[in-house]
Amino acid sequence: MTDTELGQRMQKLRENAGLTQRKLAERLGVTVQTVSNWETGYREPRMNPSQTLKLCQSLNCSLAQLAGAIAPCQED
């Protein structure tokens, strides 16, 4: 998986969770520019396990969904 694919997946999950880049950044304790860089594939997220868990909780997804191993849950 490329950084761009991960970034696109993160953006879609963030939007599905009803979060703005600003709100996600606040929850994770990073800047809006950092979230933007992740989503565009400019930078790869570098997080410790606690931060990764917080990201998944904020995006309402599992680590496997974030990594693209399984498809995100679809609303009916």
PDB file of N, CA and C in Angstrom:
ATOM      1  N   MET A   1       0.848  -1.173   0.000  1.00  0.00           N
ATOM      2  CA  MET A   1       0.000   0.000   0.000  1.00  0.00           C
ATOM      3  C   MET A   1       0.892   1.235   0.000  1.00  0.00           C
ATOM      4  N   THR A   2       0.546   2.199  -0.825  1.00  0.00           N
ATOM      5  CA  THR A   2       1.313   3.437  -0.881  1.00  0.00           C
ATOM      6  C   THR A   2       0.789   4.420   0.152  1.00  0.00           C
ATOM      7  N   ASP A   3       1.595   5.461   0.421  1.00  0.00           N
ATOM      8  CA  ASP A   3       1.161   6.502   1.345  1.00  0.00           C
ATOM      9  C   ASP A   3      -0.113   7.167   0.844  1.00  0.00           C
ATOM     10  N   THR A   4      -0.234   7.314  -0.483  1.00  0.00           N
ATOM     11  CA  THR A   4      -1.422   7.937  -1.062  1.00  0.00           C
ATOM     12  C   THR A   4      -2.656   7.086  -0.810  1.00  0.00           C
ATOM     13  N   GLU A   5      -2.541   5.766  -0.963  1.00  0.00           N
ATOM     14  CA  GLU A   5      -3.687   4.880  -0.711  1.00  0.00           C
ATOM     15  C   GLU A   5      -4.122   4.961   0.745  1.00  0.00           C
ATOM     16  N   LEU A   6      -3.154   4.957   1.660  1.00  0.00           N
ATOM     17  CA  LEU A   6      -3.481   5.077   3.076  1.00  0.00           C
ATOM     18  C   LEU A   6      -4.146   6.421   3.341  1.00  0.00           C
ATOM     19  N   GLY A   7      -3.603   7.475   2.756  1.00  0.00           N
ATOM     20  CA  GLY A   7      -4.163   8.806   2.947  1.00  0.00           C
ATOM     21  C   GLY A   7      -5.590   8.910   2.441  1.00  0.00           C
ATOM     22  N   GLN A   8      -5.848   8.336   1.276  1.00  0.00           N
ATOM     23  CA  GLN A   8      -7.206   8.361   0.727  1.00  0.00           C
ATOM     24  C   GLN A   8      -8.156   7.577   1.624  1.00  0.00           C
ATOM     25  N   ARG A   9      -7.684   6.464   2.147  1.00  0.00           N
ATOM     26  CA  ARG A   9      -8.508   5.659   3.049  1.00  0.00           C
ATOM     27  C   ARG A   9      -8.803   6.444   4.332  1.00  0.00           C
ATOM     28  N   MET A  10      -7.772   7.108   4.865  1.00  0.00           N
ATOM     29  CA  MET A  10      -7.963   7.917   6.070  1.00  0.00           C
ATOM     30  C   MET A  10      -8.973   9.027   5.822  1.00  0.00           C
ATOM     31  N   GLN A  11      -8.874   9.688   4.675  1.00  0.00           N
ATOM     32  CA  GLN A  11      -9.800  10.774   4.362  1.00  0.00           C
ATOM     33  C   GLN A  11     -11.231  10.257   4.289  1.00  0.00           C
ATOM     34  N   LYS A  12     -11.425   9.144   3.607  1.00  0.00           N
ATOM     35  CA  LYS A  12     -12.769   8.585   3.478  1.00  0.00           C
ATOM     36  C   LYS A  12     -13.327   8.193   4.845  1.00  0.00           C
ATOM     37  N   LEU A  13     -12.519   7.552   5.667  1.00  0.00           N
ATOM     38  CA  LEU A  13     -12.961   7.163   7.008  1.00  0.00           C
ATOM     39  C   LEU A  13     -13.274   8.396   7.856  1.00  0.00           C
ATOM     40  N   ARG A  14     -12.443   9.436   7.732  1.00  0.00           N
ATOM     41  CA  ARG A  14     -12.681  10.671   8.487  1.00  0.00           C
ATOM     42  C   ARG A  14     -13.997  11.310   8.070  1.00  0.00           C
ATOM     43  N   GLU A  15     -14.221  11.382   6.772  1.00  0.00           N
ATOM     44  CA  GLU A  15     -15.466  11.969   6.272  1.00  0.00           C
ATOM     45  C   GLU A  15     -16.666  11.130   6.691  1.00  0.00           C
ATOM     46  N   ASN A  16     -16.535   9.802   6.635  1.00  0.00           N
ATOM     47  CA  ASN A  16     -17.627   8.919   7.068  1.00  0.00           C
ATOM     48  C   ASN A  16     -17.925   9.086   8.553  1.00  0.00           C
ATOM     49  N   ALA A  17     -16.904   9.447   9.328  1.00  0.00           N
ATOM     50  CA  ALA A  17     -17.082   9.666  10.765  1.00  0.00           C
ATOM     51  C   ALA A  17     -17.626  11.062  11.056  1.00  0.00           C
ATOM     52  N   GLY A  18     -17.782  11.879  10.011  1.00  0.00           N
ATOM     53  CA  GLY A  18     -18.322  13.226  10.181  1.00  0.00           C
ATOM     54  C   GLY A  18     -17.343  14.196  10.822  1.00  0.00           C
ATOM     55  N   LEU A  19     -16.052  13.958  10.617  1.00  0.00           N
ATOM     56  CA  LEU A  19     -15.032  14.809  11.219  1.00  0.00           C
ATOM     57  C   LEU A  19     -14.367  15.690  10.174  1.00  0.00           C
ATOM     58  N   THR A  20     -14.028  16.890  10.575  1.00  0.00           N
ATOM     59  CA  THR A  20     -13.192  17.753   9.748  1.00  0.00           C
ATOM     60  C   THR A  20     -11.735  17.411  10.045  1.00  0.00           C
ATOM     61  N   GLN A  21     -10.846  17.875   9.182  1.00  0.00           N
ATOM     62  CA  GLN A  21      -9.425  17.680   9.469  1.00  0.00           C
ATOM     63  C   GLN A  21      -9.068  18.344  10.795  1.00  0.00           C
ATOM     64  N   ARG A  22      -9.634  19.498  11.058  1.00  0.00           N
ATOM     65  CA  ARG A  22      -9.352  20.220  12.298  1.00  0.00           C
ATOM     66  C   ARG A  22      -9.779  19.410  13.521  1.00  0.00           C
ATOM     67  N   LYS A  23     -10.979  18.850  13.480  1.00  0.00           N
ATOM     68  CA  LYS A  23     -11.481  18.085  14.621  1.00  0.00           C
ATOM     69  C   LYS A  23     -10.622  16.840  14.859  1.00  0.00           C
ATOM     70  N   LEU A  24     -10.259  16.142  13.780  1.00  0.00           N
ATOM     71  CA  LEU A  24      -9.410  14.964  13.928  1.00  0.00           C
ATOM     72  C   LEU A  24      -8.051  15.363  14.495  1.00  0.00           C
ATOM     73  N   ALA A  25      -7.495  16.452  13.996  1.00  0.00           N
ATOM     74  CA  ALA A  25      -6.203  16.929  14.494  1.00  0.00           C
ATOM     75  C   ALA A  25      -6.275  17.222  15.990  1.00  0.00           C
ATOM     76  N   GLU A  26      -7.359  17.862  16.426  1.00  0.00           N
ATOM     77  CA  GLU A  26      -7.531  18.163  17.849  1.00  0.00           C
ATOM     78  C   GLU A  26      -7.577  16.883  18.673  1.00  0.00           C
ATOM     79  N   ARG A  27      -8.307  15.896  18.198  1.00  0.00           N
ATOM     80  CA  ARG A  27      -8.422  14.629  18.927  1.00  0.00           C
ATOM     81  C   ARG A  27      -7.081  13.917  19.050  1.00  0.00           C
ATOM     82  N   LEU A  28      -6.246  14.054  18.013  1.00  0.00           N
ATOM     83  CA  LEU A  28      -4.970  13.344  17.994  1.00  0.00           C
ATOM     84  C   LEU A  28      -3.811  14.162  18.558  1.00  0.00           C
ATOM     85  N   GLY A  29      -4.047  15.455  18.782  1.00  0.00           N
ATOM     86  CA  GLY A  29      -2.984  16.308  19.296  1.00  0.00           C
ATOM     87  C   GLY A  29      -1.915  16.626  18.258  1.00  0.00           C
ATOM     88  N   VAL A  30      -2.351  16.743  16.998  1.00  0.00           N
ATOM     89  CA  VAL A  30      -1.446  17.108  15.904  1.00  0.00           C
ATOM     90  C   VAL A  30      -2.021  18.340  15.208  1.00  0.00           C
ATOM     91  N   THR A  31      -1.285  18.884  14.264  1.00  0.00           N
ATOM     92  CA  THR A  31      -1.774  20.050  13.532  1.00  0.00           C
ATOM     93  C   THR A  31      -2.682  19.622  12.378  1.00  0.00           C
ATOM     94  N   VAL A  32      -3.479  20.566  11.915  1.00  0.00           N
ATOM     95  CA  VAL A  32      -4.324  20.322  10.743  1.00  0.00           C
ATOM     96  C   VAL A  32      -3.437  20.005   9.544  1.00  0.00           C
ATOM     97  N   GLN A  33      -2.305  20.683   9.435  1.00  0.00           N
ATOM     98  CA  GLN A  33      -1.381  20.433   8.329  1.00  0.00           C
ATOM     99  C   GLN A  33      -0.875  18.997   8.353  1.00  0.00           C
ATOM    100  N   THR A  34      -0.657  18.453   9.535  1.00  0.00           N
ATOM    101  CA  THR A  34      -0.215  17.059   9.645  1.00  0.00           C
ATOM    102  C   THR A  34      -1.273  16.121   9.088  1.00  0.00           C
ATOM    103  N   VAL A  35      -2.529  16.319   9.469  1.00  0.00           N
ATOM    104  CA  VAL A  35      -3.617  15.478   8.952  1.00  0.00           C
ATOM    105  C   VAL A  35      -3.709  15.630   7.440  1.00  0.00           C
ATOM    106  N   SER A  36      -3.612  16.854   6.956  1.00  0.00           N
ATOM    107  CA  SER A  36      -3.652  17.096   5.513  1.00  0.00           C
ATOM    108  C   SER A  36      -2.505  16.370   4.806  1.00  0.00           C
ATOM    109  N   ASN A  37      -1.318  16.440   5.376  1.00  0.00           N
ATOM    110  CA  ASN A  37      -0.157  15.759   4.787  1.00  0.00           C
ATOM    111  C   ASN A  37      -0.369  14.251   4.731  1.00  0.00           C
ATOM    112  N   TRP A  38      -0.968  13.674   5.759  1.00  0.00           N
ATOM    113  CA  TRP A  38      -1.269  12.241   5.759  1.00  0.00           C
ATOM    114  C   TRP A  38      -2.242  11.908   4.634  1.00  0.00           C
ATOM    115  N   GLU A  39      -3.303  12.700   4.535  1.00  0.00           N
ATOM    116  CA  GLU A  39      -4.367  12.395   3.575  1.00  0.00           C
ATOM    117  C   GLU A  39      -3.917  12.561   2.121  1.00  0.00           C
ATOM    118  N   THR A  40      -3.011  13.473   1.874  1.00  0.00           N
ATOM    119  CA  THR A  40      -2.524  13.667   0.506  1.00  0.00           C
ATOM    120  C   THR A  40      -1.378  12.718   0.161  1.00  0.00           C
ATOM    121  N   GLY A  41      -0.888  12.000   1.165  1.00  0.00           N
ATOM    122  CA  GLY A  41       0.224  11.089   0.939  1.00  0.00           C
ATOM    123  C   GLY A  41       1.577  11.772   0.973  1.00  0.00           C
ATOM    124  N   TYR A  42       1.585  13.052   1.354  1.00  0.00           N
ATOM    125  CA  TYR A  42       2.841  13.793   1.432  1.00  0.00           C
ATOM    126  C   TYR A  42       3.721  13.263   2.556  1.00  0.00           C
ATOM    127  N   ARG A  43       3.086  12.871   3.649  1.00  0.00           N
ATOM    128  CA  ARG A  43       3.789  12.293   4.794  1.00  0.00           C
ATOM    129  C   ARG A  43       3.072  11.032   5.241  1.00  0.00           C
ATOM    130  N   GLU A  44       3.835  10.101   5.752  1.00  0.00           N
ATOM    131  CA  GLU A  44       3.285   8.866   6.307  1.00  0.00           C
ATOM    132  C   GLU A  44       3.051   9.073   7.801  1.00  0.00           C
ATOM    133  N   PRO A  45       1.894   8.640   8.317  1.00  0.00           N
ATOM    134  CA  PRO A  45       1.671   8.768   9.761  1.00  0.00           C
ATOM    135  C   PRO A  45       2.713   7.967  10.541  1.00  0.00           C
ATOM    136  N   ARG A  46       3.259   8.580  11.553  1.00  0.00           N
ATOM    137  CA  ARG A  46       4.191   7.902  12.456  1.00  0.00           C
ATOM    138  C   ARG A  46       3.626   8.067  13.856  1.00  0.00           C
ATOM    139  N   MET A  47       3.015   6.993  14.342  1.00  0.00           N
ATOM    140  CA  MET A  47       2.328   7.055  15.626  1.00  0.00           C
ATOM    141  C   MET A  47       2.712   5.873  16.494  1.00  0.00           C
ATOM    142  N   ASN A  48       2.649   6.096  17.804  1.00  0.00           N
ATOM    143  CA  ASN A  48       2.844   4.986  18.722  1.00  0.00           C
ATOM    144  C   ASN A  48       1.526   4.221  18.834  1.00  0.00           C
ATOM    145  N   PRO A  49       1.519   3.059  19.475  1.00  0.00           N
ATOM    146  CA  PRO A  49       0.277   2.269  19.554  1.00  0.00           C
ATOM    147  C   PRO A  49      -0.900   3.027  20.161  1.00  0.00           C
ATOM    148  N   SER A  50      -0.645   3.839  21.172  1.00  0.00           N
ATOM    149  CA  SER A  50      -1.723   4.604  21.805  1.00  0.00           C
ATOM    150  C   SER A  50      -2.336   5.609  20.827  1.00  0.00           C
ATOM    151  N   GLN A  51      -1.503   6.284  20.063  1.00  0.00           N
ATOM    152  CA  GLN A  51      -1.994   7.242  19.074  1.00  0.00           C
ATOM    153  C   GLN A  51      -2.749   6.531  17.954  1.00  0.00           C
ATOM    154  N   THR A  52      -2.258   5.370  17.555  1.00  0.00           N
ATOM    155  CA  THR A  52      -2.928   4.601  16.509  1.00  0.00           C
ATOM    156  C   THR A  52      -4.306   4.165  16.972  1.00  0.00           C
ATOM    157  N   LEU A  53      -4.406   3.734  18.224  1.00  0.00           N
ATOM    158  CA  LEU A  53      -5.702   3.353  18.787  1.00  0.00           C
ATOM    159  C   LEU A  53      -6.645   4.550  18.801  1.00  0.00           C
ATOM    160  N   LYS A  54      -6.143   5.707  19.196  1.00  0.00           N
ATOM    161  CA  LYS A  54      -6.962   6.922  19.228  1.00  0.00           C
ATOM    162  C   LYS A  54      -7.440   7.290  17.825  1.00  0.00           C
ATOM    163  N   LEU A  55      -6.571   7.117  16.823  1.00  0.00           N
ATOM    164  CA  LEU A  55      -6.958   7.389  15.438  1.00  0.00           C
ATOM    165  C   LEU A  55      -8.088   6.460  15.018  1.00  0.00           C
ATOM    166  N   CYS A  56      -7.933   5.167  15.277  1.00  0.00           N
ATOM    167  CA  CYS A  56      -8.971   4.201  14.897  1.00  0.00           C
ATOM    168  C   CYS A  56     -10.284   4.493  15.622  1.00  0.00           C
ATOM    169  N   GLN A  57     -10.212   4.841  16.899  1.00  0.00           N
ATOM    170  CA  GLN A  57     -11.426   5.179  17.642  1.00  0.00           C
ATOM    171  C   GLN A  57     -12.086   6.418  17.052  1.00  0.00           C
ATOM    172  N   SER A  58     -11.305   7.406  16.705  1.00  0.00           N
ATOM    173  CA  SER A  58     -11.850   8.641  16.130  1.00  0.00           C
ATOM    174  C   SER A  58     -12.501   8.393  14.781  1.00  0.00           C
ATOM    175  N   LEU A  59     -11.931   7.457  14.013  1.00  0.00           N
ATOM    176  CA  LEU A  59     -12.450   7.159  12.677  1.00  0.00           C
ATOM    177  C   LEU A  59     -13.490   6.043  12.687  1.00  0.00           C
ATOM    178  N   ASN A  60     -13.791   5.514  13.873  1.00  0.00           N
ATOM    179  CA  ASN A  60     -14.757   4.413  14.008  1.00  0.00           C
ATOM    180  C   ASN A  60     -14.380   3.229  13.126  1.00  0.00           C
ATOM    181  N   CYS A  61     -13.114   2.845  13.179  1.00  0.00           N
ATOM    182  CA  CYS A  61     -12.652   1.732  12.352  1.00  0.00           C
ATOM    183  C   CYS A  61     -11.673   0.867  13.131  1.00  0.00           C
ATOM    184  N   SER A  62     -11.439  -0.311  12.603  1.00  0.00           N
ATOM    185  CA  SER A  62     -10.422  -1.187  13.177  1.00  0.00           C
ATOM    186  C   SER A  62      -9.084  -0.884  12.505  1.00  0.00           C
ATOM    187  N   LEU A  63      -8.023  -1.396  13.097  1.00  0.00           N
ATOM    188  CA  LEU A  63      -6.710  -1.232  12.485  1.00  0.00           C
ATOM    189  C   LEU A  63      -6.674  -1.906  11.118  1.00  0.00           C
ATOM    190  N   ALA A  64      -7.334  -3.059  11.002  1.00  0.00           N
ATOM    191  CA  ALA A  64      -7.385  -3.764   9.713  1.00  0.00           C
ATOM    192  C   ALA A  64      -8.099  -2.928   8.657  1.00  0.00           C
ATOM    193  N   GLN A  65      -9.180  -2.246   9.048  1.00  0.00           N
ATOM    194  CA  GLN A  65      -9.886  -1.383   8.096  1.00  0.00           C
ATOM    195  C   GLN A  65      -8.997  -0.216   7.677  1.00  0.00           C
ATOM    196  N   LEU A  66      -8.315   0.370   8.628  1.00  0.00           N
ATOM    197  CA  LEU A  66      -7.434   1.493   8.323  1.00  0.00           C
ATOM    198  C   LEU A  66      -6.322   1.062   7.371  1.00  0.00           C
ATOM    199  N   ALA A  67      -5.787  -0.116   7.602  1.00  0.00           N
ATOM    200  CA  ALA A  67      -4.700  -0.628   6.767  1.00  0.00           C
ATOM    201  C   ALA A  67      -5.192  -1.141   5.422  1.00  0.00           C
ATOM    202  N   GLY A  68      -6.501  -1.307   5.287  1.00  0.00           N
ATOM    203  CA  GLY A  68      -7.052  -1.750   4.015  1.00  0.00           C
ATOM    204  C   GLY A  68      -7.130  -3.248   3.865  1.00  0.00           C
ATOM    205  N   ALA A  69      -6.890  -3.974   4.960  1.00  0.00           N
ATOM    206  CA  ALA A  69      -6.962  -5.429   4.892  1.00  0.00           C
ATOM    207  C   ALA A  69      -8.401  -5.904   4.715  1.00  0.00           C
ATOM    208  N   ILE A  70      -9.344  -5.128   5.256  1.00  0.00           N
ATOM    209  CA  ILE A  70     -10.762  -5.427   5.063  1.00  0.00           C
ATOM    210  C   ILE A  70     -11.479  -4.141   4.713  1.00  0.00           C
ATOM    211  N   ALA A  71     -12.589  -4.255   4.030  1.00  0.00           N
ATOM    212  CA  ALA A  71     -13.352  -3.076   3.603  1.00  0.00           C
ATOM    213  C   ALA A  71     -14.033  -2.434   4.803  1.00  0.00           C
ATOM    214  N   PRO A  72     -14.145  -1.098   4.809  1.00  0.00           N
ATOM    215  CA  PRO A  72     -14.876  -0.426   5.879  1.00  0.00           C
ATOM    216  C   PRO A  72     -16.332  -0.859   5.895  1.00  0.00           C
ATOM    217  N   CYS A  73     -16.935  -0.804   7.063  1.00  0.00           N
ATOM    218  CA  CYS A  73     -18.354  -1.139   7.183  1.00  0.00           C
ATOM    219  C   CYS A  73     -19.168  -0.142   6.376  1.00  0.00           C
ATOM    220  N   GLN A  74     -20.166  -0.628   5.699  1.00  0.00           N
ATOM    221  CA  GLN A  74     -21.052   0.222   4.910  1.00  0.00           C
ATOM    222  C   GLN A  74     -22.369   0.394   5.649  1.00  0.00           C
ATOM    223  N   GLU A  75     -22.889   1.617   5.633  1.00  0.00           N
ATOM    224  CA  GLU A  75     -24.199   1.856   6.224  1.00  0.00           C
ATOM    225  C   GLU A  75     -25.263   1.438   5.236  1.00  0.00           C
ATOM    226  N   ASP A  76     -26.332   0.825   5.743  1.00  0.00           N
ATOM    227  CA  ASP A  76     -27.441   0.401   4.881  1.00  0.00           C
ATOM    228  C   ASP A  76     -28.363   1.550   4.585  1.00  0.00           C
TER     229      ASP A  76
END
